[in-house]
Protein backbone atom coordinates (compact mmCIF):
# COMPACT_ATOMS: atom_id res chain seq x y z
CA MET A 1 235.25 87.57 48.57
CA PRO A 2 232.40 85.03 48.29
CA LYS A 3 228.94 85.70 49.41
CA MET A 4 227.75 84.36 52.91
CA LYS A 5 225.44 81.46 52.73
CA THR A 6 221.86 81.21 54.55
CA ASN A 7 221.59 78.85 56.87
CA ARG A 8 218.56 76.82 55.53
CA ALA A 9 217.50 75.19 58.95
CA ALA A 10 217.50 78.85 60.46
CA ALA A 11 215.39 80.51 57.53
CA LYS A 12 212.72 77.60 57.61
CA ARG A 13 212.40 78.48 61.56
CA PHE A 14 212.72 82.14 61.76
CA LYS A 15 211.32 85.56 60.06
CA VAL A 16 212.80 88.83 60.48
CA THR A 17 210.07 91.73 60.92
CA GLY A 18 210.16 95.16 59.38
CA SER A 19 211.40 96.52 62.49
CA GLY A 20 214.46 94.26 62.44
CA ARG A 21 212.85 91.92 65.42
CA VAL A 22 213.04 88.36 64.84
CA ARG A 23 209.94 86.04 65.25
CA ARG A 24 209.60 82.46 66.05
CA PRO A 25 206.73 80.07 66.24
CA LYS A 26 206.11 78.57 69.79
CA MET A 27 207.31 75.04 70.80
CA GLY A 28 204.96 72.52 71.11
CA GLY A 29 202.35 73.15 67.91
CA GLN A 30 203.28 70.45 65.51
CA HIS A 31 201.88 67.17 66.66
CA CYS A 32 199.95 65.46 69.43
CA LEU A 33 197.51 68.35 69.82
CA ASN A 34 194.60 66.29 70.96
CA GLY A 35 196.58 65.89 74.36
CA LYS A 36 196.76 69.64 74.70
CA SER A 37 193.59 71.81 76.13
CA ARG A 38 191.84 74.05 73.74
CA LYS A 39 193.29 76.93 75.51
CA ARG A 40 196.95 75.99 75.10
CA ARG A 41 196.56 75.20 71.29
CA ARG A 42 194.87 78.47 70.83
CA ARG A 43 197.95 80.01 72.55
CA LEU A 44 200.37 77.92 70.32
CA ARG A 45 198.75 79.67 66.96
CA ASP A 46 200.52 83.12 67.54
CA ASN A 47 204.15 83.45 66.57
CA ASP A 48 206.53 84.70 69.40
CA MET A 49 209.58 87.32 69.40
CA VAL A 50 213.26 85.79 69.80
CA SER A 51 214.83 87.26 73.10
CA PRO A 52 216.92 90.74 72.42
CA ALA A 53 219.99 88.40 73.76
CA LEU A 54 219.75 85.88 71.03
CA GLU A 55 218.59 88.12 68.22
CA HIS A 56 222.36 88.83 67.03
CA ARG A 57 223.02 85.11 67.08
CA ILE A 58 220.28 84.15 64.54
CA LYS A 59 220.70 87.21 62.36
CA ARG A 60 224.18 85.69 61.83
CA LEU A 61 222.78 82.71 60.15
CA LEU A 62 220.51 85.06 58.03
CA PRO A 63 222.54 87.40 56.07
CA TYR A 64 219.45 88.96 54.20
CA ALA A 65 218.32 90.08 57.59
């Protein structure tokens, strides 16, 4: 049986925590930051967790998880 390939697009976007939850960056923090308020940019720095309803789909794309 061949090994399952990692979906490289998902691997660049998601990381699995030690407890098994999936971490993701928040949307909108990449560019055009000078149009956003300081408060909003500060909130965008932190990573967010993927909802439990979608976790199993993302973990299927990351076979090492």
